Amino acid sequence: MSLDQLKAFLGVMQNKASLREAVLAAATADDVAQIGASLGFEFSGDELLRLSGKKVGRVTVTKQDIPGEYN
């Protein structure tokens, strides 16, 4: 079910410039999940990362490597 929620969130994001800007400014996948949660969508950052490299609607999910990020 959360994958459906994630896809629905990405669908909304592709049509709302302000949401797209907030997502692009987010530092981590978990931050994006929190943005989604504030709008009523339930998915995790891990689920978002699993879609990396895939296209959902008009949105292509891309993982950003941040310099200085530690695992």
N, C-alpha and C. Protein backbone atom coordinates (compact mmCIF):
# COMPACT_ATOMS: atom_id res chain seq x y z
N MET A 1 0.82 -1.19 0.00
CA MET A 1 0.00 0.00 0.00
C MET A 1 0.86 1.26 0.00
N SER A 2 1.98 1.27 0.71
CA SER A 2 2.79 2.48 0.76
C SER A 2 3.41 2.80 -0.59
N LEU A 3 3.64 1.79 -1.43
CA LEU A 3 4.14 2.06 -2.77
C LEU A 3 3.09 2.83 -3.57
N ASP A 4 1.83 2.48 -3.38
CA ASP A 4 0.74 3.22 -4.02
C ASP A 4 0.71 4.65 -3.50
N GLN A 5 0.94 4.82 -2.21
CA GLN A 5 0.97 6.15 -1.61
C GLN A 5 2.12 6.98 -2.20
N LEU A 6 3.27 6.35 -2.35
CA LEU A 6 4.44 7.02 -2.92
C LEU A 6 4.16 7.44 -4.36
N LYS A 7 3.59 6.55 -5.14
CA LYS A 7 3.27 6.88 -6.54
C LYS A 7 2.24 8.01 -6.61
N ALA A 8 1.28 8.01 -5.70
CA ALA A 8 0.29 9.09 -5.67
C ALA A 8 0.96 10.42 -5.32
N PHE A 9 1.88 10.38 -4.36
CA PHE A 9 2.63 11.59 -3.97
C PHE A 9 3.41 12.13 -5.16
N LEU A 10 4.10 11.25 -5.88
CA LEU A 10 4.88 11.68 -7.05
C LEU A 10 3.96 12.26 -8.13
N GLY A 11 2.76 11.71 -8.25
CA GLY A 11 1.80 12.25 -9.20
C GLY A 11 1.38 13.67 -8.84
N VAL A 12 1.17 13.91 -7.56
CA VAL A 12 0.82 15.26 -7.10
C VAL A 12 2.01 16.19 -7.31
N MET A 13 3.20 15.69 -6.99
CA MET A 13 4.41 16.51 -7.09
C MET A 13 4.65 16.99 -8.52
N GLN A 14 4.36 16.17 -9.51
CA GLN A 14 4.64 16.55 -10.90
C GLN A 14 3.77 17.72 -11.35
N ASN A 15 2.66 17.96 -10.66
CA ASN A 15 1.75 19.04 -11.05
C ASN A 15 1.81 20.26 -10.15
N LYS A 16 2.60 20.21 -9.06
CA LYS A 16 2.68 21.33 -8.13
C LYS A 16 4.12 21.81 -8.04
N ALA A 17 4.39 22.96 -8.60
CA ALA A 17 5.76 23.49 -8.63
C ALA A 17 6.32 23.71 -7.23
N SER A 18 5.52 24.21 -6.30
CA SER A 18 6.02 24.48 -4.95
C SER A 18 6.41 23.19 -4.24
N LEU A 19 5.64 22.14 -4.44
CA LEU A 19 5.97 20.85 -3.83
C LEU A 19 7.23 20.27 -4.47
N ARG A 20 7.34 20.39 -5.77
CA ARG A 20 8.52 19.91 -6.48
C ARG A 20 9.78 20.62 -5.97
N GLU A 21 9.69 21.94 -5.76
CA GLU A 21 10.83 22.69 -5.24
C GLU A 21 11.21 22.23 -3.83
N ALA A 22 10.20 21.97 -2.99
CA ALA A 22 10.47 21.49 -1.63
C ALA A 22 11.16 20.14 -1.65
N VAL A 23 10.71 19.26 -2.53
CA VAL A 23 11.32 17.92 -2.64
C VAL A 23 12.75 18.03 -3.15
N LEU A 24 12.98 18.88 -4.15
CA LEU A 24 14.33 19.03 -4.68
C LEU A 24 15.28 19.66 -3.66
N ALA A 25 14.75 20.43 -2.74
CA ALA A 25 15.58 21.06 -1.71
C ALA A 25 15.82 20.13 -0.51
N ALA A 26 15.08 19.03 -0.42
CA ALA A 26 15.22 18.10 0.71
C ALA A 26 16.60 17.44 0.67
N ALA A 27 17.19 17.26 1.86
CA ALA A 27 18.53 16.70 1.95
C ALA A 27 18.55 15.17 1.88
N THR A 28 17.51 14.52 2.35
CA THR A 28 17.50 13.06 2.39
C THR A 28 16.15 12.51 1.91
N ALA A 29 16.14 11.24 1.62
CA ALA A 29 14.89 10.57 1.23
C ALA A 29 13.89 10.59 2.39
N ASP A 30 14.40 10.50 3.62
CA ASP A 30 13.50 10.58 4.78
C ASP A 30 12.86 11.95 4.89
N ASP A 31 13.59 13.01 4.50
CA ASP A 31 13.01 14.35 4.47
C ASP A 31 11.86 14.42 3.47
N VAL A 32 12.04 13.78 2.32
CA VAL A 32 10.98 13.74 1.31
C VAL A 32 9.77 12.97 1.87
N ALA A 33 10.02 11.88 2.58
CA ALA A 33 8.93 11.11 3.19
C ALA A 33 8.18 11.96 4.22
N GLN A 34 8.90 12.81 4.95
CA GLN A 34 8.24 13.70 5.92
C GLN A 34 7.39 14.75 5.21
N ILE A 35 7.86 15.25 4.08
CA ILE A 35 7.06 16.18 3.29
C ILE A 35 5.78 15.48 2.85
N GLY A 36 5.92 14.25 2.37
CA GLY A 36 4.76 13.47 1.97
C GLY A 36 3.80 13.24 3.13
N ALA A 37 4.35 12.91 4.29
CA ALA A 37 3.52 12.66 5.47
C ALA A 37 2.72 13.90 5.87
N SER A 38 3.33 15.08 5.71
CA SER A 38 2.62 16.32 6.06
C SER A 38 1.43 16.56 5.14
N LEU A 39 1.42 15.89 3.99
CA LEU A 39 0.31 16.01 3.04
C LEU A 39 -0.61 14.80 3.08
N GLY A 40 -0.36 13.87 4.02
CA GLY A 40 -1.22 12.71 4.19
C GLY A 40 -0.80 11.46 3.45
N PHE A 41 0.41 11.46 2.88
CA PHE A 41 0.91 10.28 2.17
C PHE A 41 1.82 9.49 3.11
N GLU A 42 1.68 8.16 3.09
CA GLU A 42 2.48 7.31 3.97
C GLU A 42 3.42 6.44 3.16
N PHE A 43 4.73 6.80 3.19
CA PHE A 43 5.78 6.00 2.58
C PHE A 43 7.07 6.35 3.29
N SER A 44 8.06 5.49 3.15
CA SER A 44 9.34 5.72 3.83
C SER A 44 10.40 6.20 2.85
N GLY A 45 11.45 6.77 3.40
CA GLY A 45 12.58 7.17 2.57
C GLY A 45 13.19 5.97 1.87
N ASP A 46 13.21 4.83 2.55
CA ASP A 46 13.76 3.60 1.96
C ASP A 46 12.96 3.18 0.73
N GLU A 47 11.64 3.30 0.81
CA GLU A 47 10.80 2.96 -0.34
C GLU A 47 11.07 3.91 -1.50
N LEU A 48 11.29 5.17 -1.19
CA LEU A 48 11.62 6.13 -2.23
C LEU A 48 12.95 5.77 -2.90
N LEU A 49 13.93 5.40 -2.09
CA LEU A 49 15.24 5.04 -2.64
C LEU A 49 15.16 3.80 -3.53
N ARG A 50 14.25 2.89 -3.22
CA ARG A 50 14.09 1.69 -4.05
C ARG A 50 13.60 2.02 -5.46
N LEU A 51 13.00 3.18 -5.62
CA LEU A 51 12.53 3.61 -6.94
C LEU A 51 13.59 4.39 -7.71
N SER A 52 14.76 4.56 -7.12
CA SER A 52 15.81 5.34 -7.77
C SER A 52 16.12 4.79 -9.16
N GLY A 53 16.15 5.69 -10.12
CA GLY A 53 16.42 5.31 -11.51
C GLY A 53 15.18 4.93 -12.29
N LYS A 54 14.03 4.89 -11.62
CA LYS A 54 12.79 4.51 -12.29
C LYS A 54 11.92 5.74 -12.54
N LYS A 55 11.11 5.65 -13.56
CA LYS A 55 10.21 6.74 -13.91
C LYS A 55 8.80 6.39 -13.44
N VAL A 56 8.18 7.32 -12.74
CA VAL A 56 6.81 7.16 -12.27
C VAL A 56 6.03 8.34 -12.86
N GLY A 57 5.18 8.07 -13.81
CA GLY A 57 4.50 9.17 -14.51
C GLY A 57 5.53 9.99 -15.25
N ARG A 58 5.53 11.30 -14.99
CA ARG A 58 6.52 12.18 -15.61
C ARG A 58 7.71 12.45 -14.69
N VAL A 59 7.77 11.77 -13.55
CA VAL A 59 8.83 11.98 -12.56
C VAL A 59 9.82 10.83 -12.61
N THR A 60 11.10 11.16 -12.74
CA THR A 60 12.15 10.16 -12.63
C THR A 60 12.80 10.31 -11.27
N VAL A 61 12.79 9.25 -10.49
CA VAL A 61 13.36 9.28 -9.14
C VAL A 61 14.87 9.10 -9.26
N THR A 62 15.61 10.03 -8.70
CA THR A 62 17.07 10.00 -8.77
C THR A 62 17.66 10.24 -7.39
N LYS A 63 18.50 9.33 -6.95
CA LYS A 63 19.19 9.48 -5.67
C LYS A 63 20.32 10.46 -5.86
N GLN A 64 20.40 11.45 -4.97
CA GLN A 64 21.47 12.44 -5.01
C GLN A 64 22.54 12.06 -3.99
N ASP A 65 23.78 12.02 -4.43
CA ASP A 65 24.88 11.78 -3.50
C ASP A 65 25.36 13.12 -2.97
N ILE A 66 25.32 13.26 -1.67
CA ILE A 66 25.70 14.51 -1.03
C ILE A 66 27.11 14.38 -0.51
N PRO A 67 28.03 15.26 -0.93
CA PRO A 67 29.41 15.19 -0.41
C PRO A 67 29.42 15.31 1.11
N GLY A 68 30.22 14.48 1.75
CA GLY A 68 30.33 14.51 3.20
C GLY A 68 29.29 13.66 3.90
N GLU A 69 28.46 12.96 3.13
CA GLU A 69 27.45 12.10 3.73
C GLU A 69 28.10 10.83 4.22
N TYR A 70 27.77 10.42 5.42
CA TYR A 70 28.36 9.22 6.00
C TYR A 70 27.32 8.13 6.12
N ASN A 71 27.73 6.90 5.88
CA ASN A 71 26.82 5.75 6.03
C ASN A 71 27.17 4.98 7.27
